[in-house]
Amino acid sequence: MAKSQTDLTGIQKAAVLLITLGPERSANIFKQLKEDEIEQLTLEIANTRSISSTTKDAILDEFYEVCLAQQYIAEGGIGYAKDLLEKALGVEKAKDVIGKLTASLQVRPFEFVRKTDASQLLNFIQDEHPQTIALILSYLSSSQSATIIASLSPDKQADVAKRIAQMDRTSPDVIKEVERVLERKLSSLVNQDYTIAGGVDSIVEILNTVDRGTEKHIMETLEVEEPELADEIRRKMFVFEDILSLDDKSIQRVLRDVDNNELAVALKSTNEEVQNVIFNNLSKRLAAMIKEDMEFMGPVRLKDVEEAQQKIVNIIRKLEDSAEIIISRGGGDEIVV
């Protein structure tokens, strides 16, 4: 006898949903899951024998309602979501959906702050301890964080950047306390679980958005205080594929300093768009020669490709430091003629 929707566990509902969505959509979802989650779902799908059309429809409806609630929460918070869901689904149904979300899904801390203008938020947090500022910036968009970190005093900029990069897991009690201070002036939204924030990738995203002067000051300070951290950040700040952000004149300048053999290796694993941009900025003869080298060199170790790409990235960074090329970024890097 087939089970009804109310008899199913969360993992069983997820399995039914994936079966209903079909293999192509399910495959894309699997790419976002952890290995143990994939194993559990695969086993559950394999053990699923009979699903009524009524159960399928009910689970799809539930999935849609939860997604809708998440969207509303992201737009304006739980109160806003509750109001809209009550209008769309009715009071009882809205209460049920919000209840499921608060029990199983996490609302990102400081979501209300993400709706606040960065310049206004700066007034509230600029005098806080650098660790508090780092915590808040870790949850903001990179553009918001870049605006705020660029406006901090120079002695605070590198300290906050270092704390973001070295941040791992933050206790919910700490998050609640920081949110409590801000909620008197803005709003409130409390997360109930340990949440990962910050890290090297977070500060890299911020530094890639902030103006060059601020970035340079932060990196120079980190190179003195935390040289290993500075190296790790610098390696991630401009990846080879970001060459697409350079104009043709800058690309041609970079290529003048690049060894042709290194270029052939570096292009080995890149996408067609990157290859076309490079080849379009070479002479036809040289482009044909490098294409031929790539064809005849055969398989290349990924490590060798990454090393060749990093050498070219280092050239790009060196040319930017000497102001021979400009990497487009936020905060006053618009080009004027």
Protein backbone atom coordinates (compact mmCIF):
# COMPACT_ATOMS: atom_id res chain seq x y z
CA MET A 1 0.00 0.00 0.00
CA ALA A 2 1.42 3.37 -1.04
CA LYS A 3 2.10 5.85 1.74
CA SER A 4 0.40 9.24 1.81
CA GLN A 5 2.33 12.50 2.07
CA THR A 6 1.71 12.79 5.81
CA ASP A 7 3.21 9.34 6.44
CA LEU A 8 6.52 10.13 4.76
CA THR A 9 9.73 11.26 6.47
CA GLY A 10 11.74 14.22 5.22
CA ILE A 11 14.21 12.02 3.33
CA GLN A 12 11.33 10.07 1.76
CA LYS A 13 9.68 13.29 0.62
CA ALA A 14 12.97 14.45 -0.88
CA ALA A 15 13.30 11.15 -2.76
CA VAL A 16 9.75 11.45 -4.14
CA LEU A 17 10.44 15.04 -5.17
CA LEU A 18 13.59 14.03 -7.09
CA ILE A 19 11.75 11.17 -8.79
CA THR A 20 8.96 13.55 -9.79
CA LEU A 21 11.36 16.20 -11.11
CA GLY A 22 13.07 13.66 -13.38
CA PRO A 23 16.72 12.64 -13.89
CA GLU A 24 18.03 15.83 -15.52
CA ARG A 25 16.78 18.25 -12.84
CA SER A 26 17.62 15.77 -10.08
CA ALA A 27 21.20 15.48 -11.36
CA ASN A 28 21.62 19.26 -11.03
CA ILE A 29 20.30 19.11 -7.46
CA PHE A 30 22.68 16.25 -6.59
CA LYS A 31 25.61 18.51 -7.58
CA GLN A 32 24.74 20.81 -4.67
CA LEU A 33 24.54 18.07 -2.02
CA LYS A 34 27.10 16.46 0.27
CA GLU A 35 28.26 12.89 -0.30
CA ASP A 36 26.34 11.45 2.66
CA GLU A 37 23.16 13.24 1.55
CA ILE A 38 23.54 11.82 -1.96
CA GLU A 39 24.03 8.32 -0.53
CA GLN A 40 20.90 8.58 1.65
CA LEU A 41 18.77 9.90 -1.20
CA THR A 42 20.08 7.35 -3.69
CA LEU A 43 19.23 4.52 -1.30
CA GLU A 44 15.77 5.96 -0.62
CA ILE A 45 15.06 6.43 -4.34
CA ALA A 46 16.15 2.86 -5.00
CA ASN A 47 13.79 1.60 -2.28
CA THR A 48 10.81 3.65 -3.45
CA ARG A 49 8.34 1.38 -5.20
CA SER A 50 4.94 3.00 -5.49
CA ILE A 51 3.98 6.69 -5.47
CA SER A 52 0.43 7.82 -6.10
CA SER A 53 -0.18 10.87 -8.27
CA THR A 54 -1.94 12.46 -5.28
CA THR A 55 1.19 12.09 -3.12
CA LYS A 56 3.42 13.47 -5.91
CA ASP A 57 1.18 16.52 -6.32
CA ALA A 58 1.04 17.11 -2.56
CA ILE A 59 4.84 16.98 -2.20
CA LEU A 60 5.33 19.31 -5.18
CA ASP A 61 2.86 21.75 -3.60
CA GLU A 62 4.69 21.57 -0.27
CA PHE A 63 8.04 22.14 -1.98
CA TYR A 64 6.65 25.16 -3.85
CA GLU A 65 5.19 26.66 -0.66
CA VAL A 66 8.47 26.27 1.23
CA CYS A 67 10.44 27.85 -1.65
CA LEU A 68 7.94 30.71 -1.76
CA ALA A 69 8.32 31.26 1.99
CA GLN A 70 12.12 31.28 1.70
CA GLN A 71 11.92 33.88 -1.05
CA TYR A 72 9.66 36.12 1.04
CA ILE A 73 11.92 35.76 4.09
CA ALA A 74 14.97 36.73 1.99
CA GLU A 75 13.10 39.78 0.67
CA GLY A 76 11.79 41.14 3.95
CA GLY A 77 12.09 38.83 6.93
CA ILE A 78 9.79 36.37 8.68
CA GLY A 79 7.07 38.95 9.43
CA TYR A 80 6.93 40.01 5.80
CA ALA A 81 6.82 36.36 4.66
CA LYS A 82 4.02 35.56 7.11
CA ASP A 83 1.85 38.42 5.82
CA LEU A 84 2.28 37.46 2.17
CA LEU A 85 1.79 33.74 2.79
CA GLU A 86 -1.42 34.40 4.73
CA LYS A 87 -2.77 36.32 1.73
CA ALA A 88 -1.66 33.61 -0.70
CA LEU A 89 -2.37 30.43 1.28
CA GLY A 90 -4.58 31.37 4.23
CA VAL A 91 -3.73 31.80 7.91
CA GLU A 92 -3.50 28.11 8.88
CA LYS A 93 -1.49 27.06 5.82
CA ALA A 94 0.90 30.01 6.22
CA LYS A 95 1.45 29.08 9.87
CA ASP A 96 2.20 25.48 8.87
CA VAL A 97 4.72 26.49 6.17
CA ILE A 98 6.53 28.98 8.44
CA GLY A 99 6.64 26.31 11.15
CA LYS A 100 8.31 23.83 8.78
CA LEU A 101 10.86 26.43 7.76
CA THR A 102 11.86 27.42 11.28
CA ALA A 103 12.18 23.76 12.21
CA SER A 104 14.25 22.59 9.25
CA LEU A 105 15.74 25.54 7.38
CA GLN A 106 18.15 28.19 8.56
CA VAL A 107 17.58 31.89 8.01
CA ARG A 108 20.84 33.66 7.33
CA PRO A 109 21.93 35.86 10.25
CA PHE A 110 21.86 39.64 9.73
CA GLU A 111 19.47 39.27 6.78
CA PHE A 112 17.81 42.51 7.87
CA VAL A 113 21.19 44.27 7.74
CA ARG A 114 21.64 43.18 4.10
CA LYS A 115 18.68 45.44 3.27
CA THR A 116 20.31 48.45 4.91
CA ASP A 117 22.30 51.07 3.01
CA ALA A 118 26.02 50.49 3.60
CA SER A 119 26.72 54.13 4.48
CA GLN A 120 23.97 54.08 7.14
CA LEU A 121 25.21 50.79 8.55
CA LEU A 122 28.72 52.23 8.76
CA ASN A 123 27.47 54.80 11.26
CA PHE A 124 26.21 52.01 13.50
CA ILE A 125 29.27 49.74 13.46
CA GLN A 126 32.40 51.81 12.74
CA ASP A 127 33.14 52.27 16.46
CA GLU A 128 32.53 48.60 17.31
CA HIS A 129 35.34 46.14 18.09
CA PRO A 130 37.07 44.88 14.88
CA GLN A 131 35.85 41.32 15.63
CA THR A 132 32.23 42.54 15.75
CA ILE A 133 32.67 44.42 12.48
CA ALA A 134 34.27 41.35 10.89
CA LEU A 135 31.34 39.16 11.97
CA ILE A 136 28.77 41.52 10.48
CA LEU A 137 30.69 42.04 7.21
CA SER A 138 30.99 38.26 6.79
CA TYR A 139 27.23 38.07 6.30
CA LEU A 140 26.85 41.05 3.97
CA SER A 141 27.16 41.13 0.20
CA SER A 142 30.67 41.78 -1.09
CA SER A 143 29.64 45.22 -2.41
CA GLN A 144 28.24 46.26 1.00
CA SER A 145 31.30 44.96 2.82
CA ALA A 146 33.64 46.68 0.34
CA THR A 147 31.93 50.04 0.89
CA ILE A 148 32.15 49.71 4.65
CA ILE A 149 35.73 48.39 4.87
CA ALA A 150 36.94 51.15 2.54
CA SER A 151 35.40 53.75 4.87
CA LEU A 152 36.99 52.41 8.05
CA SER A 153 40.09 54.04 9.48
CA PRO A 154 43.30 52.65 7.89
CA ASP A 155 44.42 51.00 11.14
CA LYS A 156 41.11 49.09 11.33
CA GLN A 157 40.94 47.97 7.70
CA ALA A 158 43.66 45.33 7.79
CA ASP A 159 42.64 44.18 11.27
CA VAL A 160 39.04 43.57 10.15
CA ALA A 161 40.21 41.89 6.92
CA LYS A 162 42.45 39.54 8.91
CA ARG A 163 39.64 38.65 11.30
CA ILE A 164 37.24 37.86 8.41
CA ALA A 165 39.83 35.63 6.75
CA GLN A 166 40.56 33.74 9.97
CA MET A 167 36.92 33.38 11.01
CA ASP A 168 35.42 29.89 10.96
CA ARG A 169 32.38 28.98 13.05
CA THR A 170 30.56 31.47 15.25
CA SER A 171 28.47 30.56 18.28
CA PRO A 172 24.75 31.39 17.96
CA ASP A 173 25.01 33.16 21.33
CA VAL A 174 27.56 35.59 19.89
CA ILE A 175 25.42 36.15 16.79
CA LYS A 176 22.36 36.79 18.94
CA GLU A 177 24.22 39.30 21.08
CA VAL A 178 25.50 41.27 18.09
CA GLU A 179 22.07 41.20 16.49
CA ARG A 180 20.48 42.33 19.75
CA VAL A 181 22.63 45.48 19.70
CA LEU A 182 21.60 46.27 16.13
CA GLU A 183 17.92 45.34 16.41
CA ARG A 184 17.13 48.38 18.54
CA LYS A 185 17.95 50.57 15.55
CA LEU A 186 17.13 48.30 12.62
CA SER A 187 15.30 44.96 12.94
CA SER A 188 15.84 41.47 14.31
CA LEU A 189 16.34 38.02 12.89
CA VAL A 190 17.81 35.24 15.02
CA ASN A 191 19.56 32.15 13.74
CA GLN A 192 19.30 29.03 15.88
CA ASP A 193 22.34 27.07 14.75
CA TYR A 194 26.08 27.36 14.34
CA THR A 195 26.79 28.99 11.03
CA ILE A 196 29.94 29.11 8.91
CA ALA A 197 30.90 32.61 7.80
CA GLY A 198 33.97 34.51 6.75
CA GLY A 199 37.08 32.71 5.60
CA VAL A 200 39.62 33.49 2.92
CA ASP A 201 37.08 33.29 0.08
CA SER A 202 34.93 35.88 1.84
CA ILE A 203 37.71 38.46 2.20
CA VAL A 204 38.92 37.76 -1.36
CA GLU A 205 35.46 38.62 -2.68
CA ILE A 206 35.46 41.83 -0.66
CA LEU A 207 38.97 42.84 -1.74
CA ASN A 208 38.13 42.15 -5.38
CA THR A 209 35.31 44.70 -5.03
CA VAL A 210 36.95 47.39 -2.92
CA ASP A 211 39.00 50.20 -4.48
CA ARG A 212 42.66 49.50 -5.29
CA GLY A 213 44.03 51.89 -2.64
CA THR A 214 42.17 50.16 0.18
CA GLU A 215 43.10 46.71 -1.11
CA LYS A 216 46.77 47.66 -1.39
CA HIS A 217 46.88 49.03 2.17
CA ILE A 218 45.22 45.91 3.59
CA MET A 219 47.48 43.52 1.67
CA GLU A 220 50.67 45.39 2.58
CA THR A 221 49.70 45.29 6.27
CA LEU A 222 48.81 41.58 6.11
CA GLU A 223 52.12 40.80 4.36
CA VAL A 224 53.90 42.13 7.44
CA GLU A 225 51.59 40.72 10.13
CA GLU A 226 50.35 37.49 8.46
CA PRO A 227 52.55 36.70 5.42
CA GLU A 228 51.14 33.19 4.87
CA LEU A 229 47.58 34.49 4.98
CA ALA A 230 48.50 37.31 2.61
CA ASP A 231 49.95 34.78 0.13
CA GLU A 232 46.80 32.66 0.27
CA ILE A 233 44.56 35.68 -0.28
CA ARG A 234 46.69 36.98 -3.16
CA ARG A 235 46.61 33.60 -4.92
CA LYS A 236 42.83 33.68 -4.97
CA MET A 237 42.27 37.34 -5.73
CA PHE A 238 42.67 37.17 -9.50
CA VAL A 239 42.22 33.82 -11.21
CA PHE A 240 43.32 33.13 -14.77
CA GLU A 241 39.77 33.25 -16.17
CA ASP A 242 39.47 36.83 -14.88
CA ILE A 243 41.56 37.86 -17.86
CA LEU A 244 38.16 38.32 -19.51
CA SER A 245 37.74 41.46 -17.40
CA LEU A 246 40.75 43.14 -19.07
CA ASP A 247 40.42 45.25 -22.18
CA ASP A 248 42.21 44.23 -25.39
CA LYS A 249 45.04 46.72 -24.91
CA SER A 250 45.78 45.36 -21.42
CA ILE A 251 45.65 41.75 -22.63
CA GLN A 252 48.12 42.55 -25.42
CA ARG A 253 50.43 44.18 -22.86
CA VAL A 254 50.25 41.09 -20.63
CA LEU A 255 50.93 38.71 -23.50
CA ARG A 256 54.14 40.53 -24.37
CA ASP A 257 55.62 39.28 -21.08
CA VAL A 258 54.28 35.72 -21.35
CA ASP A 259 56.37 32.83 -22.66
CA ASN A 260 54.59 31.16 -25.60
CA ASN A 261 55.13 27.67 -24.21
CA GLU A 262 53.69 28.71 -20.83
CA LEU A 263 50.70 30.24 -22.63
CA ALA A 264 50.00 27.02 -24.54
CA VAL A 265 50.02 25.02 -21.30
CA ALA A 266 47.90 27.61 -19.46
CA LEU A 267 45.21 27.50 -22.16
CA LYS A 268 45.01 23.72 -22.10
CA SER A 269 42.07 23.49 -19.66
CA THR A 270 40.38 26.88 -20.19
CA ASN A 271 37.00 27.41 -21.78
CA GLU A 272 36.48 28.53 -25.35
CA GLU A 273 35.65 32.11 -24.36
CA VAL A 274 39.02 32.61 -22.63
CA GLN A 275 40.91 30.98 -25.50
CA ASN A 276 39.15 33.18 -28.06
CA VAL A 277 39.98 36.36 -26.12
CA ILE A 278 43.65 35.36 -25.98
CA PHE A 279 43.90 34.29 -29.61
CA ASN A 280 42.10 37.44 -30.82
CA ASN A 281 44.85 39.51 -29.18
CA LEU A 282 47.68 37.60 -30.85
CA SER A 283 48.84 37.76 -34.44
CA LYS A 284 47.21 35.13 -36.65
CA ARG A 285 50.56 33.43 -37.13
CA LEU A 286 51.35 33.24 -33.40
CA ALA A 287 47.81 32.14 -32.54
CA ALA A 288 48.04 29.33 -35.09
CA MET A 289 51.41 28.26 -33.69
CA ILE A 290 50.13 28.11 -30.10
CA LYS A 291 47.03 26.17 -31.19
CA GLU A 292 49.32 23.69 -32.93
CA ASP A 293 51.50 23.39 -29.80
CA MET A 294 48.39 22.71 -27.69
CA GLU A 295 47.26 20.02 -30.11
CA PHE A 296 50.57 18.17 -30.22
CA MET A 297 51.58 18.43 -26.55
CA GLY A 298 49.01 15.79 -25.59
CA PRO A 299 47.68 15.36 -22.04
CA VAL A 300 49.08 17.79 -19.45
CA ARG A 301 49.00 17.44 -15.68
CA LEU A 302 46.48 19.75 -14.03
CA LYS A 303 49.22 20.89 -11.65
CA ASP A 304 51.34 22.08 -14.62
CA VAL A 305 48.37 23.94 -16.11
CA GLU A 306 47.64 25.68 -12.81
CA GLU A 307 51.29 26.66 -12.37
CA ALA A 308 51.41 28.14 -15.89
CA GLN A 309 48.19 30.05 -15.25
CA GLN A 310 49.51 31.35 -11.93
CA LYS A 311 52.66 32.67 -13.63
CA ILE A 312 50.48 34.66 -16.02
CA VAL A 313 48.32 35.90 -13.13
CA ASN A 314 51.50 37.06 -11.36
CA ILE A 315 52.47 39.01 -14.47
CA ILE A 316 49.01 40.62 -14.52
CA ARG A 317 49.29 41.63 -10.86
CA LYS A 318 52.81 43.02 -11.40
CA LEU A 319 51.65 45.11 -14.35
CA GLU A 320 48.71 46.41 -12.32
CA ASP A 321 51.03 47.40 -9.48
CA SER A 322 53.17 49.35 -11.93
CA ALA A 323 49.99 50.97 -13.37
CA GLU A 324 50.68 49.59 -16.86
CA ILE A 325 47.26 47.94 -16.90
CA ILE A 326 44.05 48.46 -14.93
CA ILE A 327 41.91 45.67 -13.49
CA SER A 328 38.34 46.91 -13.32
CA ARG A 329 36.93 46.87 -9.79
CA GLY A 330 34.64 48.94 -7.60
CA GLY A 331 35.25 52.26 -5.92
CA GLY A 332 36.58 54.79 -8.40
CA ASP A 333 38.14 52.52 -11.01
CA GLU A 334 35.99 53.88 -13.80
CA ILE A 335 38.12 54.81 -16.79
CA VAL A 336 38.00 58.38 -18.09
CA VAL A 337 39.52 59.59 -21.33
